[in-house]
Protein backbone atom coordinates (compact mmCIF):
# COMPACT_ATOMS: atom_id res chain seq x y z
CA UNK A 1 -22.95 26.32 -3.69
CA UNK A 2 -21.11 23.02 -3.53
CA UNK A 3 -20.80 21.67 0.00
CA UNK A 4 -17.23 21.65 1.29
CA UNK A 5 -16.08 18.15 2.16
CA UNK A 6 -14.24 17.41 5.37
CA UNK A 7 -10.54 16.63 5.48
CA UNK A 8 -10.28 13.02 6.58
CA UNK A 9 -7.68 11.43 8.84
CA UNK A 10 -4.92 9.28 7.34
CA UNK A 11 -2.95 7.98 10.33
CA UNK A 12 0.56 6.66 9.79
CA UNK A 13 2.69 4.84 12.37
CA UNK A 14 5.83 6.59 11.09
CA UNK A 15 4.26 10.04 11.43
CA UNK A 16 2.91 9.17 14.87
CA UNK A 17 6.40 8.14 15.96
CA UNK A 18 7.96 11.34 14.62
CA UNK A 19 5.36 13.85 15.80
CA UNK A 20 4.93 12.19 19.17
CA UNK A 21 8.62 12.72 19.86
CA UNK A 22 8.61 16.20 18.33
CA UNK A 23 5.85 17.48 20.59
CA UNK A 24 7.39 15.72 23.58
CA UNK A 25 10.59 17.67 22.92
CA UNK A 26 8.62 20.92 22.64
CA UNK A 27 6.90 20.31 25.97
CA UNK A 28 10.17 19.40 27.67
CA UNK A 29 11.70 22.62 26.31
CA UNK A 30 8.85 24.78 27.61
CA UNK A 31 7.71 23.28 30.90
CA UNK A 32 9.64 22.56 34.08
CA UNK A 33 7.66 19.36 34.47
CA UNK A 34 4.40 17.76 33.37
CA UNK A 35 2.33 15.80 35.88
CA UNK A 36 -0.65 13.49 35.54
CA UNK A 37 -3.25 11.89 37.79
CA UNK A 38 -5.91 9.35 36.83
CA UNK A 39 -3.82 7.18 34.50
CA UNK A 40 -5.29 4.16 36.23
CA UNK A 41 -8.71 5.07 34.86
CA UNK A 42 -7.42 4.59 31.31
CA UNK A 43 -5.60 1.40 32.31
CA UNK A 44 -8.82 0.01 33.77
CA UNK A 45 -10.66 0.87 30.55
CA UNK A 46 -8.00 -0.92 28.52
CA UNK A 47 -8.19 -3.98 30.76
CA UNK A 48 -11.96 -4.29 31.00
CA UNK A 49 -13.60 -2.74 27.94
CA UNK A 50 -14.91 -4.73 25.01
CA UNK A 51 -13.86 -4.29 21.41
CA UNK A 52 -17.10 -2.44 20.68
CA UNK A 53 -16.55 0.28 23.27
CA UNK A 54 -14.51 3.30 22.10
CA UNK A 55 -13.15 5.86 24.55
CA UNK A 56 -13.91 9.57 24.18
CA UNK A 57 -11.58 11.85 26.14
CA UNK A 58 -13.27 15.24 26.43
CA UNK A 59 -11.00 18.00 27.66
CA UNK A 60 -11.00 21.51 28.98
CA UNK A 61 -9.59 23.97 26.46
CA UNK A 62 -7.79 26.75 28.30
CA UNK A 63 -4.45 27.05 26.51
CA UNK A 64 -2.54 26.88 23.23
CA UNK A 65 -0.65 23.82 24.50
CA UNK A 66 -3.78 21.66 24.79
CA UNK A 67 -3.39 20.04 21.37
CA UNK A 68 0.30 19.26 21.88
CA UNK A 69 -0.47 17.87 25.34
CA UNK A 70 -3.14 15.50 24.04
CA UNK A 71 -0.85 14.30 21.24
CA UNK A 72 1.92 13.45 23.69
CA UNK A 73 -0.51 11.88 26.15
CA UNK A 74 -1.99 9.75 23.39
CA UNK A 75 1.20 8.65 21.63
CA UNK A 76 3.85 8.72 24.37
CA UNK A 77 2.08 8.22 27.70
CA UNK A 78 -1.24 6.38 27.37
CA UNK A 79 -0.47 4.50 24.13
CA UNK A 80 -3.87 5.00 22.53
CA UNK A 81 -5.05 4.43 18.97
CA UNK A 82 -6.59 7.87 18.92
CA UNK A 83 -8.12 10.44 16.61
CA UNK A 84 -8.87 14.13 17.04
CA UNK A 85 -10.90 16.98 15.59
CA UNK A 86 -9.16 20.08 14.24
CA UNK A 87 -10.62 23.29 12.86
CA UNK A 88 -10.79 22.95 9.07
CA UNK A 89 -8.87 26.17 8.35
CA UNK A 90 -5.98 24.98 10.53
CA UNK A 91 -5.93 21.43 9.16
CA UNK A 92 -5.97 22.84 5.62
CA UNK A 93 -2.72 24.67 6.42
CA UNK A 94 -1.10 21.92 8.48
CA UNK A 95 -2.15 18.76 6.67
CA UNK A 96 0.55 16.66 8.32
CA UNK A 97 -1.78 16.47 11.33
CA UNK A 98 -3.92 14.08 9.24
CA UNK A 99 -1.08 11.58 9.63
CA UNK A 100 -1.51 11.45 13.39
CA UNK A 101 -5.28 11.00 13.20
CA UNK A 102 -6.72 14.48 12.88
CA UNK A 103 -9.80 15.25 10.76
CA UNK A 104 -11.50 18.56 10.12
CA UNK A 105 -14.54 20.21 11.66
CA UNK A 106 -16.17 23.51 10.74
CA UNK A 107 -18.09 24.63 13.82
CA UNK A 108 -19.45 27.72 12.06
CA UNK A 109 -21.40 25.51 9.64
CA UNK A 110 -23.82 23.21 11.50
CA UNK A 111 -24.36 20.95 8.50
CA UNK A 112 -20.62 20.52 7.94
CA UNK A 113 -20.04 19.96 11.67
CA UNK A 114 -22.68 17.22 11.68
CA UNK A 115 -20.93 15.57 8.72
CA UNK A 116 -17.70 15.53 10.77
CA UNK A 117 -19.53 13.94 13.70
CA UNK A 118 -20.97 11.23 11.45
CA UNK A 119 -17.50 10.59 10.02
CA UNK A 120 -16.09 10.38 13.53
CA UNK A 121 -18.77 7.96 14.69
CA UNK A 122 -18.16 5.73 11.66
CA UNK A 123 -14.46 5.50 12.58
CA UNK A 124 -15.05 4.74 16.26
CA UNK A 125 -18.26 2.71 16.35
CA UNK A 126 -17.76 -0.93 17.40
CA UNK A 127 -14.01 -0.46 17.90
CA UNK A 128 -11.58 0.08 20.78
CA UNK A 129 -10.25 3.32 19.29
CA UNK A 130 -10.19 6.67 21.07
CA UNK A 131 -11.01 10.30 20.35
CA UNK A 132 -9.77 13.54 21.91
CA UNK A 133 -12.34 16.31 21.80
CA UNK A 134 -12.61 19.84 23.21
CA UNK A 135 -16.37 20.18 23.76
CA UNK A 136 -16.18 23.87 24.73
CA UNK A 137 -15.57 24.49 21.04
CA UNK A 138 -13.03 27.28 21.49
CA UNK A 139 -10.18 28.43 23.68
CA UNK A 140 -11.52 29.76 26.97
CA UNK A 141 -9.35 31.36 29.72
CA UNK A 142 -8.51 28.83 32.43
CA UNK A 143 -10.43 30.59 35.19
CA UNK A 144 -13.51 31.44 33.14
CA UNK A 145 -16.82 30.11 34.42
CA UNK A 146 -19.12 28.48 33.72
CA UNK A 147 -17.68 25.65 31.66
CA UNK A 148 -20.14 24.99 28.85
CA UNK A 149 -20.02 21.97 26.54
CA UNK A 150 -21.51 22.38 23.10
CA UNK A 151 -24.12 19.92 21.88
CA UNK A 152 -21.72 18.16 19.52
CA UNK A 153 -20.52 15.80 22.23
CA UNK A 154 -24.11 14.80 23.01
CA UNK A 155 -24.81 14.20 19.33
CA UNK A 156 -21.68 12.05 19.12
CA UNK A 157 -22.89 9.95 22.06
CA UNK A 158 -26.16 9.37 20.22
CA UNK A 159 -24.43 8.46 16.96
CA UNK A 160 -22.08 6.00 18.67
CA UNK A 161 -24.83 4.24 20.58
CA UNK A 162 -22.40 2.98 23.23
CA UNK A 163 -19.04 4.37 24.33
CA UNK A 164 -16.95 5.34 27.33
CA UNK A 165 -16.54 9.07 28.05
CA UNK A 166 -13.75 10.31 30.33
CA UNK A 167 -13.34 13.98 31.40
CA UNK A 168 -9.82 15.40 31.22
CA UNK A 169 -8.72 18.64 32.88
CA UNK A 170 -5.60 20.43 31.62
CA UNK A 171 -3.92 23.31 33.41
CA UNK A 172 -0.71 25.33 33.18
CA UNK A 173 0.70 27.26 36.13
CA UNK A 174 3.77 29.11 37.30
CA UNK A 175 4.47 27.88 40.81
CA UNK A 176 7.94 27.75 42.34
CA UNK A 177 9.96 27.41 39.16
CA UNK A 178 11.15 29.70 36.37
CA UNK A 179 9.24 27.63 33.85
CA UNK A 180 5.53 26.83 33.96
CA UNK A 181 4.25 23.40 34.94
CA UNK A 182 1.64 21.30 33.14
CA UNK A 183 -1.00 19.36 35.07
CA UNK A 184 -3.35 16.69 33.73
CA UNK A 185 -6.18 15.03 35.60
CA UNK A 186 -8.23 12.21 34.03
CA UNK A 187 -11.59 11.23 35.49
CA UNK A 188 -13.24 7.82 35.50
CA UNK A 189 -14.83 6.89 32.17
CA UNK A 190 -18.63 6.73 32.20
CA UNK A 191 -20.20 4.01 30.05
CA UNK A 192 -22.91 5.77 28.05
CA UNK A 193 -25.40 3.51 26.28
CA UNK A 194 -27.95 5.44 24.26
CA UNK A 195 -31.58 4.49 24.80
CA UNK A 196 -35.04 5.97 24.44
CA UNK A 197 -34.74 7.83 27.76
CA UNK A 198 -31.69 9.82 26.64
CA UNK A 199 -31.63 13.09 24.76
CA UNK A 200 -28.80 15.26 23.50
CA UNK A 201 -29.46 18.11 25.94
CA UNK A 202 -29.39 16.04 29.14
CA UNK A 203 -26.35 14.03 28.05
CA UNK A 204 -24.50 17.22 27.16
CA UNK A 205 -25.39 18.66 30.59
CA UNK A 206 -24.01 15.51 32.20
CA UNK A 207 -20.71 15.92 30.36
CA UNK A 208 -20.60 19.58 31.37
CA UNK A 209 -21.02 18.62 35.04
CA UNK A 210 -18.34 15.94 34.85
CA UNK A 211 -15.84 18.21 33.10
CA UNK A 212 -16.49 21.00 35.58
CA UNK A 213 -15.96 18.62 38.50
CA UNK A 214 -12.66 17.37 37.07
CA UNK A 215 -11.46 20.90 36.41
CA UNK A 216 -12.41 22.10 39.90
CA UNK A 217 -10.69 19.07 41.44
CA UNK A 218 -7.49 19.81 39.52
CA UNK A 219 -7.58 23.48 40.50
CA UNK A 220 -8.09 22.54 44.16
CA UNK A 221 -5.20 20.07 44.06
CA UNK A 222 -2.85 22.74 42.73
CA UNK A 223 -4.01 25.45 45.16
CA UNK A 224 -3.59 23.06 48.10
CA UNK A 225 -0.33 21.67 46.66
CA UNK A 226 -1.90 18.25 46.85
CA UNK A 227 0.15 16.48 44.19
CA UNK A 228 0.80 13.15 45.91
CA UNK A 229 -1.45 11.37 43.40
CA UNK A 230 0.30 12.96 40.43
CA UNK A 231 3.15 11.36 38.51
CA UNK A 232 5.74 13.34 36.60
CA UNK A 233 5.56 12.01 33.04
CA UNK A 234 7.90 14.58 31.47
CA UNK A 235 10.73 16.61 32.96
CA UNK A 236 12.16 19.73 31.37
CA UNK A 237 15.41 21.56 31.87
CA UNK A 238 16.16 22.98 35.31
CA UNK A 239 15.64 26.65 36.17
CA UNK A 240 18.29 29.36 36.14
CA UNK A 241 18.18 29.43 39.94
CA UNK A 242 19.02 25.72 40.20
CA UNK A 243 21.80 26.11 37.62
CA UNK A 244 23.39 28.80 39.79
CA UNK A 245 22.96 26.62 42.85
CA UNK A 246 24.86 23.83 41.12
CA UNK A 247 27.64 26.19 40.10
CA UNK A 248 27.87 27.53 43.65
CA UNK A 249 27.70 24.04 45.13
CA UNK A 250 24.51 24.75 47.08
């Protein structure tokens, strides 16, 4: 049987402009507000990294909105030259995602998945580009434990040789508003340089620990209503209650 080739990325500045604004509109229409903490960690990476040090943003994957959130964060908030992996069956149907930097991965076929990782490493190696990745490999309910990262992220670290890896926690909650709220928390990037002492298993365990810590920190912040460090980066329409209050002059 002939091996199925991956669908490669073909980023376009025009498509990035259009789809960045499209998904921003969708998020504004759905969420009361979207808040972020840890932007300074990306700013510090931008200010201090070298041209041969790509940034891998590895995220929790607990909701349908994760992909849209990362697109808006990348194109409209953090201003990153970023790529992303997308399941091959989905990218085959929605090929326009290639134009914003998506390429395919088939996680059910280890050989094909490894080909995607090699392709990814070739794009990123010795550059200042970025990659969004969901190392859990599938959608997992927000409260499910334990968080488990698949070995692909460890293999990618080995293939790159040197890169920065930043954990990103995403969460969606109904709090005091009619609409849900989106929360994003970005951890400090770790500079991973592959050497003889490293192996895929231990590096993957390290990423699992870091992602779990970031997720638990975000959950704690929301439960304790500790949002002083968070900035609202998108605001949606006001709730029905607040509309009535305006009408009634309250």
